[in-house]
Amino acid sequence: MEKVLEKLLDTIICSNCVDIMSRLPDNCIDLTLTSPPYDKLRDYKEFTFEFKRIAKQLYRITKKGGVVVWVIGDSTINGSETGSSFRQALFFKKLGFNLHDTMIYQKSGFAYPSTNRYHQIFEYMFVFSKGRPKTFNPIRDKKNETQYTFSKKRRKKDGSMTHANDTSRIQVSPYGMRTNIWKYTTGKGNSTKDEIAFKHPAIFPEKLCEDHIKTWTNSNSNDIVFDPMMGSGTTIKVANQLGRRYIGVDISEEYCRIARERIKQLKE
């Protein structure tokens, strides 16, 4: 299986992702970053989405300390949100993943105005880890409005203080670690400059991929980034730009051609 892994590295494969994952060795992927075709919200050429089989294979191939970022939302059917996102998150936990963080991907606008609920502008980014994440490189771009200091002293449940005799103060830097709500300007010219990418019905921003790849992988360790439902290939393109190894899979040959063209453009 190790030879299979080496053969598949830095390639785009048109196939059923479950079949490809079944050929990979255990504990070989550092980061999976993907968005599944949830709730039939988009037309994906009538291909089926075998969620449970995909999730089980993802658990097997993820390294100890590896991470799966699962970008997903819910559609509204007969006046009620489906809740598919939560059911899937609970299934990942049942398999053995930790739900390391529930993050929000906030878009700059909404597709359809709502008439009896607030406009929908976000999707979940569930961050699942196989044990404790082995890599965390926090992005520190949140501007601290006030340059304040604070003490190490904390009150315990019994009322006593930790660091009771400590008189030192910690200076807050101009920029701190961002929150788990990530905001991106979306749409043509913003999510990507690649016109061809918009032949896919649902792409997420290149910057979103960049931020997750930088957070959960390292550039100097041959970390492998995987996208089993890569669509237009945004995850794969950004992984290539950042010098990570990658494997991209999609069942649609049309989308694989788009992804290959985007990789090709990087080299021109």
Protein backbone atom coordinates (compact mmCIF):
# COMPACT_ATOMS: atom_id res chain seq x y z
CA MET A 1 0.00 0.00 0.00
CA GLU A 2 2.90 2.39 0.59
CA LYS A 3 3.81 2.08 -3.09
CA VAL A 4 0.21 2.91 -3.98
CA LEU A 5 0.39 6.03 -1.83
CA GLU A 6 3.59 7.20 -3.48
CA LYS A 7 2.10 6.62 -6.92
CA LEU A 8 -1.00 8.68 -6.09
CA LEU A 9 0.83 11.63 -4.55
CA ASP A 10 0.51 14.93 -6.43
CA THR A 11 -2.13 13.53 -8.77
CA ILE A 12 -5.77 14.19 -9.61
CA ILE A 13 -7.84 11.03 -9.96
CA CYS A 14 -11.24 10.62 -11.56
CA SER A 15 -12.86 7.86 -9.52
CA ASN A 16 -15.17 7.02 -6.66
CA CYS A 17 -13.30 8.34 -3.61
CA VAL A 18 -14.22 5.30 -1.49
CA ASP A 19 -12.45 3.04 -4.01
CA ILE A 20 -9.33 5.23 -3.95
CA MET A 21 -9.26 5.50 -0.17
CA SER A 22 -9.60 1.72 0.18
CA ARG A 23 -6.26 1.43 -1.65
CA LEU A 24 -4.44 3.79 0.71
CA PRO A 25 -2.56 2.56 3.79
CA ASP A 26 -3.75 3.21 7.32
CA ASN A 27 -2.68 6.47 8.98
CA CYS A 28 -1.23 8.18 5.91
CA ILE A 29 -3.08 11.51 5.48
CA ASP A 30 -2.20 14.63 7.49
CA LEU A 31 -5.10 16.84 6.46
CA THR A 32 -8.35 16.25 4.60
CA LEU A 33 -10.04 19.47 3.55
CA THR A 34 -13.29 18.99 1.66
CA SER A 35 -16.90 20.02 1.20
CA PRO A 36 -19.38 17.23 0.47
CA PRO A 37 -22.39 17.60 -1.86
CA TYR A 38 -24.84 17.97 1.01
CA ASP A 39 -28.64 17.79 0.87
CA LYS A 40 -28.74 17.83 -2.95
CA LEU A 41 -28.32 21.60 -2.76
CA ARG A 42 -26.45 21.57 -6.07
CA ASP A 43 -26.54 19.46 -9.22
CA TYR A 44 -23.58 17.06 -9.08
CA LYS A 45 -24.38 15.13 -12.27
CA GLU A 46 -26.59 12.71 -10.32
CA PHE A 47 -23.62 11.10 -8.59
CA THR A 48 -24.41 9.54 -5.21
CA PHE A 49 -22.84 10.58 -1.91
CA GLU A 50 -21.98 7.58 0.29
CA PHE A 51 -21.38 9.49 3.49
CA LYS A 52 -20.88 6.67 5.99
CA ARG A 53 -18.47 4.74 3.77
CA ILE A 54 -16.50 7.93 3.11
CA ALA A 55 -16.35 8.82 6.81
CA LYS A 56 -15.16 5.34 7.82
CA GLN A 57 -12.38 5.40 5.25
CA LEU A 58 -11.35 8.91 6.31
CA TYR A 59 -10.92 7.71 9.89
CA ARG A 60 -8.78 4.79 8.76
CA ILE A 61 -6.43 6.77 6.51
CA THR A 62 -6.04 9.83 8.76
CA LYS A 63 -2.76 9.88 10.68
CA LYS A 64 -2.76 9.95 14.45
CA GLY A 65 -2.85 13.65 15.14
CA GLY A 66 -4.22 14.31 11.65
CA VAL A 67 -7.20 16.52 10.93
CA VAL A 68 -10.31 16.43 8.75
CA VAL A 69 -11.94 19.78 7.95
CA TRP A 70 -15.51 19.11 6.83
CA VAL A 71 -17.18 22.19 5.29
CA ILE A 72 -20.94 21.74 5.25
CA GLY A 73 -24.29 23.48 5.58
CA ASP A 74 -27.95 22.51 5.68
CA SER A 75 -30.73 23.10 3.22
CA THR A 76 -34.26 24.04 4.26
CA ILE A 77 -36.97 21.56 3.27
CA ASN A 78 -40.64 22.03 4.10
CA GLY A 79 -39.81 24.92 6.39
CA SER A 80 -37.16 23.10 8.44
CA GLU A 81 -33.40 22.89 8.19
CA THR A 82 -32.32 19.30 7.59
CA GLY A 83 -29.71 19.07 10.36
CA SER A 84 -27.56 16.84 8.13
CA SER A 85 -24.46 18.69 9.30
CA PHE A 86 -25.03 17.74 12.94
CA ARG A 87 -25.87 14.12 12.15
CA GLN A 88 -22.67 13.81 10.17
CA ALA A 89 -20.62 15.42 12.93
CA LEU A 90 -22.02 12.96 15.46
CA PHE A 91 -21.20 10.04 13.16
CA PHE A 92 -17.59 11.22 12.87
CA LYS A 93 -17.43 11.27 16.68
CA LYS A 94 -18.93 7.78 16.82
CA LEU A 95 -16.12 6.54 14.58
CA GLY A 96 -13.52 7.83 17.05
CA PHE A 97 -12.72 11.33 15.81
CA ASN A 98 -12.57 14.19 18.27
CA LEU A 99 -14.71 17.17 17.35
CA HIS A 100 -11.77 19.48 17.87
CA ASP A 101 -13.56 22.68 16.84
CA THR A 102 -16.84 23.81 15.34
CA MET A 103 -15.88 26.70 13.12
CA ILE A 104 -17.94 29.05 10.97
CA TYR A 105 -17.23 30.02 7.36
CA GLN A 106 -19.01 33.35 6.92
CA LYS A 107 -19.64 34.53 3.38
CA SER A 108 -19.87 38.13 2.25
CA GLY A 109 -23.40 37.70 0.92
CA PHE A 110 -26.32 35.32 0.59
CA ALA A 111 -27.68 33.51 -2.44
CA TYR A 112 -31.40 33.83 -1.76
CA PRO A 113 -33.17 36.38 0.46
CA SER A 114 -35.19 34.83 3.28
CA THR A 115 -38.71 36.04 4.00
CA ASN A 116 -39.37 34.50 7.42
CA ARG A 117 -35.88 33.84 8.85
CA TYR A 118 -32.57 35.72 8.92
CA HIS A 119 -30.50 35.61 5.74
CA GLN A 120 -28.20 32.58 5.60
CA ILE A 121 -24.55 33.56 5.12
CA PHE A 122 -22.53 30.80 6.77
CA GLU A 123 -21.51 27.16 6.63
CA TYR A 124 -19.98 24.97 9.33
CA MET A 125 -16.35 23.97 9.22
CA PHE A 126 -16.18 20.95 11.53
CA VAL A 127 -12.59 20.25 12.51
CA PHE A 128 -12.20 16.56 13.42
CA SER A 129 -8.93 15.24 14.80
CA LYS A 130 -7.63 11.73 15.33
CA GLY A 131 -6.43 12.29 18.86
CA ARG A 132 -4.82 15.61 19.65
CA PRO A 133 -3.81 17.56 16.51
CA LYS A 134 -0.10 17.17 15.94
CA THR A 135 0.14 20.55 14.21
CA PHE A 136 -1.44 23.88 15.05
CA ASN A 137 -0.04 27.03 13.52
CA PRO A 138 -2.55 29.68 14.60
CA ILE A 139 -3.18 32.61 12.29
CA ARG A 140 -2.56 35.83 14.16
CA ASP A 141 -4.23 38.55 12.15
CA LYS A 142 -6.93 39.75 14.55
CA LYS A 143 -6.15 43.32 15.45
CA ASN A 144 -6.26 44.01 19.17
CA GLU A 145 -8.05 47.33 19.47
CA THR A 146 -6.53 48.14 22.85
CA GLN A 147 -2.97 47.39 23.89
CA TYR A 148 -3.84 46.19 27.37
CA THR A 149 -2.06 43.92 29.84
CA PHE A 150 -3.46 41.23 32.10
CA SER A 151 -2.34 39.22 35.11
CA LYS A 152 -1.83 35.48 35.42
CA LYS A 153 -4.03 35.43 38.53
CA ARG A 154 -7.18 33.33 38.25
CA ARG A 155 -9.82 32.49 40.86
CA LYS A 156 -10.41 28.77 41.49
CA LYS A 157 -13.73 27.15 42.37
CA ASP A 158 -12.99 27.27 46.10
CA GLY A 159 -12.40 31.01 45.91
CA SER A 160 -8.61 30.87 46.24
CA MET A 161 -6.33 32.37 43.62
CA THR A 162 -3.82 30.74 41.35
CA HIS A 163 -0.55 32.68 41.04
CA ALA A 164 -1.72 34.58 44.15
CA ASN A 165 1.66 36.23 44.72
CA ASP A 166 2.37 36.97 41.09
CA THR A 167 2.70 40.67 40.29
CA SER A 168 3.81 40.36 36.67
CA ARG A 169 1.65 41.51 33.78
CA ILE A 170 1.42 40.04 30.28
CA GLN A 171 1.51 42.52 27.40
CA VAL A 172 -0.93 41.89 24.58
CA SER A 173 0.60 42.16 21.11
CA PRO A 174 -0.91 44.37 18.36
CA TYR A 175 -2.31 41.27 16.63
CA GLY A 176 -3.71 38.17 18.25
CA MET A 177 -5.01 34.76 17.23
CA ARG A 178 -8.23 35.02 15.23
CA THR A 179 -11.54 33.57 16.42
CA ASN A 180 -13.15 30.45 14.98
CA ILE A 181 -15.45 32.51 12.76
CA TRP A 182 -13.65 33.12 9.46
CA LYS A 183 -15.05 35.71 7.08
CA TYR A 184 -14.33 35.75 3.35
CA THR A 185 -15.44 37.85 0.42
CA THR A 186 -16.94 35.39 -2.06
CA GLY A 187 -18.06 35.35 -5.68
CA LYS A 188 -16.35 35.90 -9.01
CA GLY A 189 -13.04 37.68 -8.71
CA ASN A 190 -12.95 37.02 -4.98
CA SER A 191 -13.13 33.28 -4.25
CA THR A 192 -10.57 32.77 -7.02
CA LYS A 193 -9.25 34.55 -10.09
CA ASP A 194 -9.62 31.33 -12.12
CA GLU A 195 -12.59 31.82 -14.43
CA ILE A 196 -12.70 28.11 -15.20
CA ALA A 197 -13.38 27.26 -11.56
CA PHE A 198 -16.85 28.76 -11.75
CA LYS A 199 -17.94 26.00 -14.10
CA HIS A 200 -18.42 24.13 -10.81
CA PRO A 201 -21.66 25.06 -9.01
CA ALA A 202 -20.17 25.47 -5.53
CA ILE A 203 -16.60 26.55 -4.83
CA PHE A 204 -15.10 27.87 -1.65
CA PRO A 205 -12.45 30.60 -1.46
CA GLU A 206 -8.80 29.84 -2.06
CA LYS A 207 -8.02 31.89 1.05
CA LEU A 208 -10.12 29.52 3.17
CA CYS A 209 -8.03 26.60 1.91
CA GLU A 210 -4.81 28.51 2.47
CA ASP A 211 -5.72 29.32 6.05
CA HIS A 212 -6.63 25.74 6.95
CA ILE A 213 -3.62 24.20 5.21
CA LYS A 214 -1.25 26.61 6.96
CA THR A 215 -2.96 25.95 10.30
CA TRP A 216 -2.99 22.15 10.32
CA THR A 217 0.10 21.20 8.25
CA ASN A 218 3.77 22.14 8.03
CA SER A 219 5.62 23.16 4.90
CA ASN A 220 8.86 21.35 5.75
CA SER A 221 7.55 17.91 6.63
CA ASN A 222 6.07 16.48 3.40
CA ASP A 223 2.59 16.66 4.91
CA ILE A 224 -0.13 15.25 2.64
CA VAL A 225 -3.34 17.17 1.90
CA PHE A 226 -6.29 15.14 0.64
CA ASP A 227 -9.60 16.15 -0.93
CA PRO A 228 -11.85 13.17 -1.74
CA MET A 229 -14.57 15.33 -3.34
CA MET A 230 -12.41 18.07 -4.78
CA GLY A 231 -14.86 19.58 -7.30
CA SER A 232 -13.02 22.37 -9.11
CA GLY A 233 -9.78 21.54 -7.26
CA THR A 234 -9.38 24.55 -4.99
CA THR A 235 -7.90 22.55 -2.10
CA ILE A 236 -5.47 20.81 -4.44
CA LYS A 237 -4.39 24.01 -6.17
CA VAL A 238 -3.65 25.78 -2.89
CA ALA A 239 -1.84 22.76 -1.43
CA ASN A 240 0.40 22.78 -4.52
CA GLN A 241 1.04 26.52 -4.16
CA LEU A 242 2.02 26.04 -0.51
CA GLY A 243 4.44 23.21 -1.28
CA ARG A 244 2.41 20.40 0.28
CA ARG A 245 1.97 16.95 -1.22
CA TYR A 246 -1.60 16.30 -2.32
CA ILE A 247 -4.11 13.79 -3.60
CA GLY A 248 -7.30 14.99 -5.28
CA VAL A 249 -10.25 12.78 -6.19
CA ASP A 250 -13.56 13.48 -7.87
CA ILE A 251 -16.01 11.17 -9.59
CA SER A 252 -16.77 13.72 -12.33
CA GLU A 253 -14.34 13.79 -15.23
CA GLU A 254 -15.58 17.29 -16.08
CA TYR A 255 -14.53 18.60 -12.66
CA CYS A 256 -11.22 16.72 -12.81
CA ARG A 257 -10.44 18.49 -16.10
CA ILE A 258 -11.12 21.83 -14.40
CA ALA A 259 -8.82 20.94 -11.52
CA ARG A 260 -6.04 19.77 -13.85
CA GLU A 261 -6.29 23.00 -15.84
CA ARG A 262 -5.95 25.06 -12.66
CA ILE A 263 -2.83 23.13 -11.67
CA LYS A 264 -1.47 23.52 -15.19
CA GLN A 265 -1.96 27.29 -15.05
CA LEU A 266 0.19 27.44 -11.90
CA LYS A 267 3.13 26.08 -13.87
CA GLU A 268 2.80 28.39 -16.87
